[in-house]
Protein backbone atom coordinates (compact mmCIF):
# COMPACT_ATOMS: atom_id res chain seq x y z
CA MET A 1 17.27 -12.70 17.58
CA LEU A 2 19.02 -14.21 14.59
CA GLU A 3 17.88 -11.92 11.80
CA ALA A 4 20.70 -10.71 9.54
CA ASP A 5 19.08 -7.30 9.03
CA PHE A 6 18.38 -6.63 12.72
CA LYS A 7 20.66 -6.00 15.66
CA VAL A 8 19.45 -5.58 19.23
CA VAL A 9 21.43 -2.62 20.60
CA GLY A 10 19.83 -2.35 24.03
CA ASP A 11 17.44 -3.92 26.52
CA ALA A 12 15.80 -2.01 29.35
CA GLY A 13 14.02 -3.18 32.48
CA ASP A 14 11.77 -0.12 32.84
CA GLY A 15 10.70 3.12 31.18
CA PRO A 16 13.38 5.47 32.54
CA GLU A 17 16.13 3.00 31.63
CA GLY A 18 14.65 2.68 28.14
CA LEU A 19 14.77 6.45 27.67
CA LYS A 20 18.43 6.52 28.68
CA LEU A 21 19.16 3.91 26.04
CA VAL A 22 17.24 5.86 23.38
CA LYS A 23 19.21 8.99 24.28
CA ASN A 24 22.57 7.21 24.12
CA LEU A 25 21.98 4.82 21.23
CA LYS A 26 19.50 6.64 18.94
CA PRO A 27 18.07 3.32 17.68
CA ASN A 28 16.21 2.97 14.40
CA ILE A 29 13.34 1.18 16.16
CA LEU A 30 12.12 1.23 19.77
CA ILE A 31 9.93 -1.70 20.81
CA THR A 32 8.05 -1.17 24.06
CA ASP A 33 5.07 -2.29 26.10
CA LEU A 34 2.37 0.04 27.40
CA LYS A 35 2.53 -1.06 31.01
CA MET A 36 5.91 -1.18 32.70
CA ASP A 37 7.62 0.02 35.85
CA GLY A 38 8.73 3.60 36.35
CA MET A 39 6.83 5.17 33.44
CA ASP A 40 4.13 3.87 31.13
CA GLY A 41 5.05 3.00 27.56
CA LEU A 42 3.06 5.83 26.02
CA GLU A 43 5.04 8.39 28.04
CA VAL A 44 8.26 6.64 27.01
CA VAL A 45 7.27 6.91 23.34
CA LEU A 46 6.33 10.58 23.59
CA ARG A 47 9.61 11.44 25.32
CA ALA A 48 11.64 9.24 22.96
CA LYS A 49 10.21 11.15 19.96
CA LYS A 50 11.68 14.35 21.41
CA ILE A 51 15.05 12.77 22.26
CA SER A 52 15.47 10.88 18.99
CA PRO A 53 12.99 12.09 16.33
CA ASN A 54 14.15 9.53 13.74
CA THR A 55 13.52 6.54 16.02
CA ARG A 56 10.38 4.67 14.94
CA THR A 57 8.30 2.94 17.60
CA ILE A 58 6.44 -0.33 17.88
CA ILE A 59 4.21 -0.75 20.94
CA LEU A 60 3.24 -4.31 21.81
CA SER A 61 0.66 -4.87 24.50
CA MET A 62 -2.31 -6.95 25.49
CA TYR A 63 -3.90 -3.92 27.17
CA ASP A 64 -6.25 -1.39 25.64
CA ASP A 65 -7.50 0.62 28.63
CA GLY A 66 -7.99 3.72 26.48
CA TYR A 67 -4.31 3.80 25.50
CA VAL A 68 -5.16 3.58 21.80
CA SER A 69 -7.31 6.72 22.02
CA LYS A 70 -4.64 8.45 24.09
CA ALA A 71 -1.96 7.50 21.55
CA LEU A 72 -4.04 8.83 18.66
CA GLY A 73 -4.67 12.03 20.58
CA ASN A 74 -0.91 12.48 20.87
CA GLY A 75 -0.34 12.13 17.13
CA LEU A 76 0.85 8.53 17.15
CA GLU A 77 -0.23 6.11 14.44
CA VAL A 78 -2.02 3.03 15.71
CA MET A 79 -2.21 -0.35 14.01
CA SER A 80 -4.17 -3.14 15.63
């Protein structure tokens, strides 16, 4: 990405790896998918909030499968 205001600080192949990066890097923004190997994206977001409370999250996905309702039930804001 060639945006002057943004810097990619990590890239993970699955949920557990993403959580390790959040723990070590404390990023400003976590961008994740809902469906991935090792742990679904919603679980990653909920755990990341505990590890790094100031990290904001963007979830990108083509799936709904009730995840929106589950996210709202866990106190996450949803924009569609």
